[in-house]
Amino acid sequence: MESKNVEAIKLNITSECNLPQKYTKVTARIQKIENNREVIASNFVSRVANSSPKSPKTAIFRNLFSVCYPGIVVAYKGSAEGYVLLENGKKIEVVGTSGKYEVANCSIGAQ
């Protein structure tokens, strides 16, 4: 996860497999800490990323942004779940998180 000009929070997702994949489909979200609790700051509709002939085992999502208003320090992390469709037709469930919270000087949803 990274800040982009402190006007948006960007969530990057990479799906790497041991076998060639056709695509990965995920539903993602950004969580934040609010009043000492983890809450959802932003939900993204399901997205699909195809693998490429150059990288048939990898699908990359780079288009997940949430508008962020400067001036408030907030800790964020990202998570996603979905599935990978392998070239051989097998579907594999996937889930992941950015792991730790990252602090940004902006707040999603607050003006």
C-alpha atoms as a PDB file:
ATOM      1  CA  MET A   1       0.000   0.000   0.000  1.00  0.00           C
ATOM      2  CA  GLU A   2       1.291   3.490  -0.752  1.00  0.00           C
ATOM      3  CA  SER A   3       0.207   7.125  -0.529  1.00  0.00           C
ATOM      4  CA  LYS A   4      -0.088   8.987  -3.817  1.00  0.00           C
ATOM      5  CA  ASN A   5       0.365  12.770  -3.417  1.00  0.00           C
ATOM      6  CA  VAL A   6      -1.600  12.431  -0.146  1.00  0.00           C
ATOM      7  CA  GLU A   7      -4.778  12.787  -2.228  1.00  0.00           C
ATOM      8  CA  ALA A   8      -5.403   9.068  -2.579  1.00  0.00           C
ATOM      9  CA  ILE A   9      -4.473   5.812  -0.915  1.00  0.00           C
ATOM     10  CA  LYS A  10      -3.438   3.168  -3.439  1.00  0.00           C
ATOM     11  CA  LEU A  11      -3.634  -0.582  -2.875  1.00  0.00           C
ATOM     12  CA  ASN A  12      -1.381  -2.762  -5.067  1.00  0.00           C
ATOM     13  CA  ILE A  13      -2.065  -6.495  -5.323  1.00  0.00           C
ATOM     14  CA  THR A  14       0.115  -9.132  -6.976  1.00  0.00           C
ATOM     15  CA  SER A  15      -1.108 -12.703  -7.462  1.00  0.00           C
ATOM     16  CA  GLU A  16       1.790 -15.118  -8.013  1.00  0.00           C
ATOM     17  CA  CYS A  17       1.295 -18.820  -8.738  1.00  0.00           C
ATOM     18  CA  ASN A  18       3.554 -21.838  -9.211  1.00  0.00           C
ATOM     19  CA  LEU A  19       1.676 -22.697 -12.419  1.00  0.00           C
ATOM     20  CA  PRO A  20       0.514 -20.497 -15.314  1.00  0.00           C
ATOM     21  CA  GLN A  21      -2.757 -18.713 -14.609  1.00  0.00           C
ATOM     22  CA  LYS A  22      -5.411 -17.217 -16.880  1.00  0.00           C
ATOM     23  CA  TYR A  23      -6.461 -14.565 -14.385  1.00  0.00           C
ATOM     24  CA  THR A  24      -7.071 -13.632 -10.759  1.00  0.00           C
ATOM     25  CA  LYS A  25     -10.376 -12.191  -9.524  1.00  0.00           C
ATOM     26  CA  VAL A  26     -10.451 -10.420  -6.146  1.00  0.00           C
ATOM     27  CA  THR A  27     -12.638  -8.261  -3.962  1.00  0.00           C
ATOM     28  CA  ALA A  28     -10.447  -5.871  -1.993  1.00  0.00           C
ATOM     29  CA  ARG A  29     -10.781  -3.381   0.842  1.00  0.00           C
ATOM     30  CA  ILE A  30      -8.760  -0.893   2.811  1.00  0.00           C
ATOM     31  CA  GLN A  31      -9.110  -1.009   6.590  1.00  0.00           C
ATOM     32  CA  LYS A  32      -8.194   1.666   9.105  1.00  0.00           C
ATOM     33  CA  ILE A  33      -7.914   1.962  12.859  1.00  0.00           C
ATOM     34  CA  GLU A  34     -10.695   4.115  14.320  1.00  0.00           C
ATOM     35  CA  ASN A  35     -11.410   4.386  18.057  1.00  0.00           C
ATOM     36  CA  ASN A  36      -8.994   1.473  18.664  1.00  0.00           C
ATOM     37  CA  ARG A  37     -10.991  -0.778  16.310  1.00  0.00           C
ATOM     38  CA  GLU A  38     -10.368  -2.019  12.782  1.00  0.00           C
ATOM     39  CA  VAL A  39     -13.035  -0.660  10.411  1.00  0.00           C
ATOM     40  CA  ILE A  40     -13.460  -0.748   6.639  1.00  0.00           C
ATOM     41  CA  ALA A  41     -12.431   2.564   5.091  1.00  0.00           C
ATOM     42  CA  SER A  42     -13.007   1.580   1.467  1.00  0.00           C
ATOM     43  CA  ASN A  43     -14.510  -1.386  -0.402  1.00  0.00           C
ATOM     44  CA  PHE A  44     -13.684  -2.144  -4.028  1.00  0.00           C
ATOM     45  CA  VAL A  45     -15.965  -4.057  -6.396  1.00  0.00           C
ATOM     46  CA  SER A  46     -14.589  -7.334  -7.718  1.00  0.00           C
ATOM     47  CA  ARG A  47     -11.743  -6.838 -10.184  1.00  0.00           C
ATOM     48  CA  VAL A  48     -10.037  -9.165 -12.645  1.00  0.00           C
ATOM     49  CA  ALA A  49      -6.366  -9.041 -13.639  1.00  0.00           C
ATOM     50  CA  ASN A  50      -5.092 -11.257 -16.446  1.00  0.00           C
ATOM     51  CA  SER A  51      -1.667 -12.788 -16.548  1.00  0.00           C
ATOM     52  CA  SER A  52       0.489 -11.831 -19.522  1.00  0.00           C
ATOM     53  CA  PRO A  53       2.435 -13.969 -22.007  1.00  0.00           C
ATOM     54  CA  LYS A  54       5.604 -12.462 -20.520  1.00  0.00           C
ATOM     55  CA  SER A  55       4.551 -13.357 -16.924  1.00  0.00           C
ATOM     56  CA  PRO A  56       2.042 -16.226 -17.164  1.00  0.00           C
ATOM     57  CA  LYS A  57       2.236 -17.043 -13.440  1.00  0.00           C
ATOM     58  CA  THR A  58       1.505 -13.477 -12.268  1.00  0.00           C
ATOM     59  CA  ALA A  59      -1.526 -11.153 -12.297  1.00  0.00           C
ATOM     60  CA  ILE A  60      -1.140  -7.571 -11.064  1.00  0.00           C
ATOM     61  CA  PHE A  61      -3.731  -5.074  -9.799  1.00  0.00           C
ATOM     62  CA  ARG A  62      -2.580  -1.431  -9.797  1.00  0.00           C
ATOM     63  CA  ASN A  63      -5.888   0.414 -10.181  1.00  0.00           C
ATOM     64  CA  LEU A  64      -7.262   0.429  -6.625  1.00  0.00           C
ATOM     65  CA  PHE A  65      -7.462   3.987  -5.264  1.00  0.00           C
ATOM     66  CA  SER A  66      -9.492   5.745  -2.550  1.00  0.00           C
ATOM     67  CA  VAL A  67      -9.724   9.518  -2.251  1.00  0.00           C
ATOM     68  CA  CYS A  68      -7.947  10.704   0.872  1.00  0.00           C
ATOM     69  CA  TYR A  69      -8.317  14.125   2.546  1.00  0.00           C
ATOM     70  CA  PRO A  70      -5.106  15.608   4.019  1.00  0.00           C
ATOM     71  CA  GLY A  71      -4.576  16.718   7.582  1.00  0.00           C
ATOM     72  CA  ILE A  72      -5.583  13.682   9.638  1.00  0.00           C
ATOM     73  CA  VAL A  73      -3.054  10.944  10.469  1.00  0.00           C
ATOM     74  CA  VAL A  74      -4.588   7.486   9.994  1.00  0.00           C
ATOM     75  CA  ALA A  75      -3.152   3.939   9.855  1.00  0.00           C
ATOM     76  CA  TYR A  76      -4.298   1.753   6.925  1.00  0.00           C
ATOM     77  CA  LYS A  77      -3.838  -1.781   5.630  1.00  0.00           C
ATOM     78  CA  GLY A  78      -5.238  -3.624   2.646  1.00  0.00           C
ATOM     79  CA  SER A  79      -6.791  -7.045   2.199  1.00  0.00           C
ATOM     80  CA  ALA A  80      -8.351  -9.084  -0.583  1.00  0.00           C
ATOM     81  CA  GLU A  81      -9.952 -12.428  -1.280  1.00  0.00           C
ATOM     82  CA  GLY A  82     -11.024 -14.189  -4.426  1.00  0.00           C
ATOM     83  CA  TYR A  83      -9.725 -16.882  -6.716  1.00  0.00           C
ATOM     84  CA  VAL A  84      -7.169 -17.714  -9.381  1.00  0.00           C
ATOM     85  CA  LEU A  85      -8.152 -19.564 -12.543  1.00  0.00           C
ATOM     86  CA  LEU A  86      -5.160 -21.590 -13.697  1.00  0.00           C
ATOM     87  CA  GLU A  87      -4.474 -22.335 -17.367  1.00  0.00           C
ATOM     88  CA  ASN A  88      -5.334 -25.999 -16.677  1.00  0.00           C
ATOM     89  CA  GLY A  89      -8.862 -24.919 -15.621  1.00  0.00           C
ATOM     90  CA  LYS A  90      -8.399 -25.440 -11.873  1.00  0.00           C
ATOM     91  CA  LYS A  91      -9.837 -22.718  -9.634  1.00  0.00           C
ATOM     92  CA  ILE A  92      -7.926 -21.887  -6.421  1.00  0.00           C
ATOM     93  CA  GLU A  93      -9.300 -19.710  -3.622  1.00  0.00           C
ATOM     94  CA  VAL A  94      -6.931 -16.941  -2.488  1.00  0.00           C
ATOM     95  CA  VAL A  95      -6.814 -14.519   0.421  1.00  0.00           C
ATOM     96  CA  GLY A  96      -4.188 -12.005   1.472  1.00  0.00           C
ATOM     97  CA  THR A  97      -3.371  -8.892   3.436  1.00  0.00           C
ATOM     98  CA  SER A  98      -0.704  -6.215   3.352  1.00  0.00           C
ATOM     99  CA  GLY A  99       0.111  -7.422   6.861  1.00  0.00           C
ATOM    100  CA  LYS A 100       0.958  -4.342   8.818  1.00  0.00           C
ATOM    101  CA  TYR A 101      -0.706  -0.967   9.057  1.00  0.00           C
ATOM    102  CA  GLU A 102       0.926   1.974   7.248  1.00  0.00           C
ATOM    103  CA  VAL A 103       0.432   5.519   8.516  1.00  0.00           C
ATOM    104  CA  ALA A 104      -0.669   8.281   6.121  1.00  0.00           C
ATOM    105  CA  ASN A 105      -1.374  11.960   6.764  1.00  0.00           C
ATOM    106  CA  CYS A 106      -4.858  11.805   5.262  1.00  0.00           C
ATOM    107  CA  SER A 107      -8.241  10.276   5.922  1.00  0.00           C
ATOM    108  CA  ILE A 108     -10.468   8.283   3.585  1.00  0.00           C
ATOM    109  CA  GLY A 109     -14.031   9.565   3.788  1.00  0.00           C
ATOM    110  CA  ALA A 110     -13.404  12.560   6.076  1.00  0.00           C
ATOM    111  CA  GLN A 111     -13.317  16.121   4.778  1.00  0.00           C
END
